[in-house]
Amino acid sequence: MNRQDKSLAIGTLAKEFQSNDAAFIVGMQGMTVSQVESLRKGVRKHGKFLVAKNSLLRIAVKDIPAISHLTPYFKGQIAVIFVPREASSVAKLINDVSRENEHLKIVAGCYESRVFDQDMVKFLGSLPPKEILVAQLCGLLKAPMVQHVSVLNQIIARLLYVLKQASEKQS
């Protein structure tokens, strides 16, 4: 790889780190080509799977202040998965594949300029999809209002019951 190719690769990597919401670093030591291809196909729906030299990755992130903390994780045979949106679904995919394949190791990740360690990436992968979280939040916000309306309806129903009983006694 000549100097021009290296500078082009560094620019591409820096652009990917800056333009995507999340990036996950996974260790691939001992994985077969078919296993890597299977992971690449799964990631393709939501992001990009790139393999680069660690030295190029270090140079690419050194000028990005929020992501420069990823530098210690650039060692060994690693790949970077860039995700423009829906980071939790990709983290879930990586988490599931790492459970099935002992050679795939979750190393670290960054989401919205915050660097996460392996445990935090696994936690992010254990979260339900965004749509379910939004539905749960809407249910939580709606519950007090529903209870309030229910109490008001019970008061009106009791008033009507008392009025009915009073009219029956008068007749």
C-alpha atoms as a PDB file:
ATOM      1  CA  MET A   1       0.000   0.000   0.000  1.00  0.00           C
ATOM      2  CA  ASN A   2       1.619   3.240  -1.107  1.00  0.00           C
ATOM      3  CA  ARG A   3       1.424   6.601   0.642  1.00  0.00           C
ATOM      4  CA  GLN A   4      -1.454   7.899  -1.491  1.00  0.00           C
ATOM      5  CA  ASP A   5      -3.569   4.792  -0.805  1.00  0.00           C
ATOM      6  CA  LYS A   6      -2.847   5.100   2.911  1.00  0.00           C
ATOM      7  CA  SER A   7      -3.894   8.739   3.040  1.00  0.00           C
ATOM      8  CA  LEU A   8      -7.071   7.888   1.100  1.00  0.00           C
ATOM      9  CA  ALA A   9      -7.838   5.032   3.536  1.00  0.00           C
ATOM     10  CA  ILE A  10      -7.209   7.298   6.536  1.00  0.00           C
ATOM     11  CA  GLY A  11      -9.524   9.947   5.102  1.00  0.00           C
ATOM     12  CA  THR A  12     -12.228   7.363   4.449  1.00  0.00           C
ATOM     13  CA  LEU A  13     -11.953   5.959   7.973  1.00  0.00           C
ATOM     14  CA  ALA A  14     -12.043   9.423   9.560  1.00  0.00           C
ATOM     15  CA  LYS A  15     -15.099  10.313   7.480  1.00  0.00           C
ATOM     16  CA  GLU A  16     -16.846   7.094   8.528  1.00  0.00           C
ATOM     17  CA  PHE A  17     -16.142   7.742  12.212  1.00  0.00           C
ATOM     18  CA  GLN A  18     -17.485  11.293  11.947  1.00  0.00           C
ATOM     19  CA  SER A  19     -20.546  10.615   9.797  1.00  0.00           C
ATOM     20  CA  ASN A  20     -21.944   7.572  11.644  1.00  0.00           C
ATOM     21  CA  ASP A  21     -23.761   7.549  14.981  1.00  0.00           C
ATOM     22  CA  ALA A  22     -22.003   4.435  16.231  1.00  0.00           C
ATOM     23  CA  ALA A  23     -18.945   2.307  15.618  1.00  0.00           C
ATOM     24  CA  PHE A  24     -18.253  -1.097  17.141  1.00  0.00           C
ATOM     25  CA  ILE A  25     -14.839  -2.753  17.283  1.00  0.00           C
ATOM     26  CA  VAL A  26     -14.847  -6.545  17.148  1.00  0.00           C
ATOM     27  CA  GLY A  27     -11.956  -8.981  17.374  1.00  0.00           C
ATOM     28  CA  MET A  28     -11.820 -11.565  14.608  1.00  0.00           C
ATOM     29  CA  GLN A  29      -8.837 -13.674  15.662  1.00  0.00           C
ATOM     30  CA  GLY A  30      -9.459 -17.253  14.542  1.00  0.00           C
ATOM     31  CA  MET A  31     -12.613 -16.657  12.505  1.00  0.00           C
ATOM     32  CA  THR A  32     -12.951 -18.386   9.167  1.00  0.00           C
ATOM     33  CA  VAL A  33     -13.702 -16.514   5.955  1.00  0.00           C
ATOM     34  CA  SER A  34     -17.238 -17.912   5.851  1.00  0.00           C
ATOM     35  CA  GLN A  35     -17.895 -16.761   9.425  1.00  0.00           C
ATOM     36  CA  VAL A  36     -16.638 -13.248   8.610  1.00  0.00           C
ATOM     37  CA  GLU A  37     -18.789 -13.170   5.465  1.00  0.00           C
ATOM     38  CA  SER A  38     -21.825 -14.259   7.467  1.00  0.00           C
ATOM     39  CA  LEU A  39     -21.248 -11.416   9.936  1.00  0.00           C
ATOM     40  CA  ARG A  40     -20.651  -8.975   7.088  1.00  0.00           C
ATOM     41  CA  LYS A  41     -23.983  -9.959   5.473  1.00  0.00           C
ATOM     42  CA  GLY A  42     -25.831  -9.497   8.755  1.00  0.00           C
ATOM     43  CA  VAL A  43     -24.307  -6.070   9.310  1.00  0.00           C
ATOM     44  CA  ARG A  44     -24.869  -4.935   5.718  1.00  0.00           C
ATOM     45  CA  LYS A  45     -28.559  -4.247   6.413  1.00  0.00           C
ATOM     46  CA  HIS A  46     -27.752  -1.565   8.987  1.00  0.00           C
ATOM     47  CA  GLY A  47     -24.162  -0.461   8.470  1.00  0.00           C
ATOM     48  CA  LYS A  48     -20.669  -1.070   7.102  1.00  0.00           C
ATOM     49  CA  PHE A  49     -18.145  -3.719   8.062  1.00  0.00           C
ATOM     50  CA  LEU A  50     -14.561  -2.574   7.480  1.00  0.00           C
ATOM     51  CA  VAL A  51     -11.236  -4.216   8.168  1.00  0.00           C
ATOM     52  CA  ALA A  52      -8.259  -1.869   8.337  1.00  0.00           C
ATOM     53  CA  LYS A  53      -4.748  -1.808   9.691  1.00  0.00           C
ATOM     54  CA  ASN A  54      -4.567  -0.718  13.320  1.00  0.00           C
ATOM     55  CA  SER A  55      -2.006   1.974  12.530  1.00  0.00           C
ATOM     56  CA  LEU A  56      -4.345   3.519   9.950  1.00  0.00           C
ATOM     57  CA  LEU A  57      -7.202   3.450  12.466  1.00  0.00           C
ATOM     58  CA  ARG A  58      -5.042   5.205  15.078  1.00  0.00           C
ATOM     59  CA  ILE A  59      -4.109   7.949  12.630  1.00  0.00           C
ATOM     60  CA  ALA A  60      -7.720   8.331  11.476  1.00  0.00           C
ATOM     61  CA  VAL A  61      -9.120   8.920  14.987  1.00  0.00           C
ATOM     62  CA  LYS A  62      -6.321  10.989  16.506  1.00  0.00           C
ATOM     63  CA  ASP A  63      -7.815  14.278  15.213  1.00  0.00           C
ATOM     64  CA  ILE A  64     -11.356  13.447  16.352  1.00  0.00           C
ATOM     65  CA  PRO A  65     -11.409  14.401  20.040  1.00  0.00           C
ATOM     66  CA  ALA A  66     -14.468  12.418  21.125  1.00  0.00           C
ATOM     67  CA  ILE A  67     -13.380   9.209  19.408  1.00  0.00           C
ATOM     68  CA  SER A  68      -9.638   9.389  20.043  1.00  0.00           C
ATOM     69  CA  HIS A  69     -10.247   7.416  23.260  1.00  0.00           C
ATOM     70  CA  LEU A  70     -10.761   4.320  21.087  1.00  0.00           C
ATOM     71  CA  THR A  71      -7.028   4.210  20.291  1.00  0.00           C
ATOM     72  CA  PRO A  72      -6.116   1.683  23.042  1.00  0.00           C
ATOM     73  CA  TYR A  73      -8.589  -0.801  21.567  1.00  0.00           C
ATOM     74  CA  PHE A  74      -6.868  -0.891  18.161  1.00  0.00           C
ATOM     75  CA  LYS A  75      -4.778  -4.021  18.614  1.00  0.00           C
ATOM     76  CA  GLY A  76      -4.927  -7.523  17.241  1.00  0.00           C
ATOM     77  CA  GLN A  77      -7.069  -8.637  14.332  1.00  0.00           C
ATOM     78  CA  ILE A  78     -10.057  -6.308  14.499  1.00  0.00           C
ATOM     79  CA  ALA A  79     -12.825  -4.979  12.326  1.00  0.00           C
ATOM     80  CA  VAL A  80     -14.879  -1.831  12.708  1.00  0.00           C
ATOM     81  CA  ILE A  81     -18.625  -1.842  12.167  1.00  0.00           C
ATOM     82  CA  PHE A  82     -20.016   1.598  11.345  1.00  0.00           C
ATOM     83  CA  VAL A  83     -23.709   2.201  12.008  1.00  0.00           C
ATOM     84  CA  PRO A  84     -25.530   5.344  10.827  1.00  0.00           C
ATOM     85  CA  ARG A  85     -28.667   4.600  12.916  1.00  0.00           C
ATOM     86  CA  GLU A  86     -30.270   1.765  14.895  1.00  0.00           C
ATOM     87  CA  ALA A  87     -27.114   1.053  16.859  1.00  0.00           C
ATOM     88  CA  SER A  88     -28.919  -1.170  19.340  1.00  0.00           C
ATOM     89  CA  SER A  89     -30.026  -3.604  16.633  1.00  0.00           C
ATOM     90  CA  VAL A  90     -26.461  -3.945  15.336  1.00  0.00           C
ATOM     91  CA  ALA A  91     -25.151  -4.317  18.897  1.00  0.00           C
ATOM     92  CA  LYS A  92     -27.749  -7.070  19.396  1.00  0.00           C
ATOM     93  CA  LEU A  93     -26.601  -8.790  16.190  1.00  0.00           C
ATOM     94  CA  ILE A  94     -22.950  -8.617  17.262  1.00  0.00           C
ATOM     95  CA  ASN A  95     -23.866  -9.865  20.729  1.00  0.00           C
ATOM     96  CA  ASP A  96     -25.830 -12.821  19.306  1.00  0.00           C
ATOM     97  CA  VAL A  97     -23.074 -13.759  16.855  1.00  0.00           C
ATOM     98  CA  SER A  98     -20.429 -13.549  19.599  1.00  0.00           C
ATOM     99  CA  ARG A  99     -22.462 -15.986  21.716  1.00  0.00           C
ATOM    100  CA  GLU A 100     -22.645 -18.431  18.805  1.00  0.00           C
ATOM    101  CA  ASN A 101     -19.045 -17.966  17.646  1.00  0.00           C
ATOM    102  CA  GLU A 102     -16.379 -18.068  20.339  1.00  0.00           C
ATOM    103  CA  HIS A 103     -13.812 -16.416  18.040  1.00  0.00           C
ATOM    104  CA  LEU A 104     -15.766 -13.181  17.645  1.00  0.00           C
ATOM    105  CA  LYS A 105     -14.963 -10.875  20.549  1.00  0.00           C
ATOM    106  CA  ILE A 106     -16.670  -7.591  21.291  1.00  0.00           C
ATOM    107  CA  VAL A 107     -13.832  -5.173  22.030  1.00  0.00           C
ATOM    108  CA  ALA A 108     -15.391  -1.706  22.362  1.00  0.00           C
ATOM    109  CA  GLY A 109     -17.680   0.769  20.711  1.00  0.00           C
ATOM    110  CA  CYS A 110     -18.662   4.380  20.516  1.00  0.00           C
ATOM    111  CA  TYR A 111     -22.151   5.791  20.256  1.00  0.00           C
ATOM    112  CA  GLU A 112     -22.837   9.484  19.726  1.00  0.00           C
ATOM    113  CA  SER A 113     -19.227  10.409  20.625  1.00  0.00           C
ATOM    114  CA  ARG A 114     -19.175   8.323  23.819  1.00  0.00           C
ATOM    115  CA  VAL A 115     -16.742   5.426  24.063  1.00  0.00           C
ATOM    116  CA  PHE A 116     -18.091   2.186  25.558  1.00  0.00           C
ATOM    117  CA  ASP A 117     -16.287  -0.857  26.809  1.00  0.00           C
ATOM    118  CA  GLN A 118     -17.259  -4.441  26.065  1.00  0.00           C
ATOM    119  CA  ASP A 119     -19.848  -4.686  28.849  1.00  0.00           C
ATOM    120  CA  MET A 120     -21.656  -1.529  27.771  1.00  0.00           C
ATOM    121  CA  VAL A 121     -21.839  -2.757  24.169  1.00  0.00           C
ATOM    122  CA  LYS A 122     -23.359  -6.009  25.426  1.00  0.00           C
ATOM    123  CA  PHE A 123     -25.865  -4.013  27.494  1.00  0.00           C
ATOM    124  CA  LEU A 124     -26.744  -1.909  24.439  1.00  0.00           C
ATOM    125  CA  GLY A 125     -27.312  -5.161  22.548  1.00  0.00           C
ATOM    126  CA  SER A 126     -29.663  -6.427  25.253  1.00  0.00           C
ATOM    127  CA  LEU A 127     -32.008  -3.447  24.890  1.00  0.00           C
ATOM    128  CA  PRO A 128     -35.214  -3.951  22.925  1.00  0.00           C
ATOM    129  CA  PRO A 129     -35.590  -2.239  19.538  1.00  0.00           C
ATOM    130  CA  LYS A 130     -36.350   1.473  19.392  1.00  0.00           C
ATOM    131  CA  GLU A 131     -39.984   0.968  18.416  1.00  0.00           C
ATOM    132  CA  ILE A 132     -40.643  -1.164  21.506  1.00  0.00           C
ATOM    133  CA  LEU A 133     -38.917   1.353  23.783  1.00  0.00           C
ATOM    134  CA  VAL A 134     -41.028   4.170  22.331  1.00  0.00           C
ATOM    135  CA  ALA A 135     -44.192   2.104  22.814  1.00  0.00           C
ATOM    136  CA  GLN A 136     -43.238   1.371  26.430  1.00  0.00           C
ATOM    137  CA  LEU A 137     -42.576   5.051  27.064  1.00  0.00           C
ATOM    138  CA  CYS A 138     -45.935   6.014  25.549  1.00  0.00           C
ATOM    139  CA  GLY A 139     -47.637   3.423  27.774  1.00  0.00           C
ATOM    140  CA  LEU A 140     -45.924   4.852  30.845  1.00  0.00           C
ATOM    141  CA  LEU A 141     -46.938   8.386  29.927  1.00  0.00           C
ATOM    142  CA  LYS A 142     -50.511   7.336  29.183  1.00  0.00           C
ATOM    143  CA  ALA A 143     -51.071   5.278  32.363  1.00  0.00           C
ATOM    144  CA  PRO A 144     -51.634   8.166  34.840  1.00  0.00           C
ATOM    145  CA  MET A 145     -54.113   9.836  32.496  1.00  0.00           C
ATOM    146  CA  VAL A 146     -56.048   6.596  32.021  1.00  0.00           C
ATOM    147  CA  GLN A 147     -56.210   6.066  35.788  1.00  0.00           C
ATOM    148  CA  HIS A 148     -57.413   9.640  36.318  1.00  0.00           C
ATOM    149  CA  VAL A 149     -60.185   9.272  33.726  1.00  0.00           C
ATOM    150  CA  SER A 150     -61.164   5.937  35.254  1.00  0.00           C
ATOM    151  CA  VAL A 151     -61.509   7.518  38.706  1.00  0.00           C
ATOM    152  CA  LEU A 152     -63.618  10.341  37.257  1.00  0.00           C
ATOM    153  CA  ASN A 153     -65.867   7.829  35.489  1.00  0.00           C
ATOM    154  CA  GLN A 154     -66.306   5.896  38.746  1.00  0.00           C
ATOM    155  CA  ILE A 155     -67.375   9.080  40.547  1.00  0.00           C
ATOM    156  CA  ILE A 156     -69.988   9.823  37.873  1.00  0.00           C
ATOM    157  CA  ALA A 157     -71.203   6.216  37.913  1.00  0.00           C
ATOM    158  CA  ARG A 158     -71.559   6.289  41.708  1.00  0.00           C
ATOM    159  CA  LEU A 159     -73.480   9.587  41.527  1.00  0.00           C
ATOM    160  CA  LEU A 160     -75.872   8.094  38.982  1.00  0.00           C
ATOM    161  CA  TYR A 161     -76.304   5.000  41.146  1.00  0.00           C
ATOM    162  CA  VAL A 162     -77.140   7.151  44.199  1.00  0.00           C
ATOM    163  CA  LEU A 163     -79.629   9.234  42.182  1.00  0.00           C
ATOM    164  CA  LYS A 164     -81.290   6.072  40.864  1.00  0.00           C
ATOM    165  CA  GLN A 165     -81.586   4.658  44.387  1.00  0.00           C
ATOM    166  CA  ALA A 166     -83.049   7.951  45.645  1.00  0.00           C
ATOM    167  CA  SER A 167     -85.642   8.062  42.841  1.00  0.00           C
ATOM    168  CA  GLU A 168     -86.677   4.447  43.559  1.00  0.00           C
ATOM    169  CA  LYS A 169     -87.205   5.264  47.259  1.00  0.00           C
ATOM    170  CA  GLN A 170     -89.428   8.242  46.402  1.00  0.00           C
ATOM    171  CA  SER A 171     -91.662   6.217  44.118  1.00  0.00           C
END
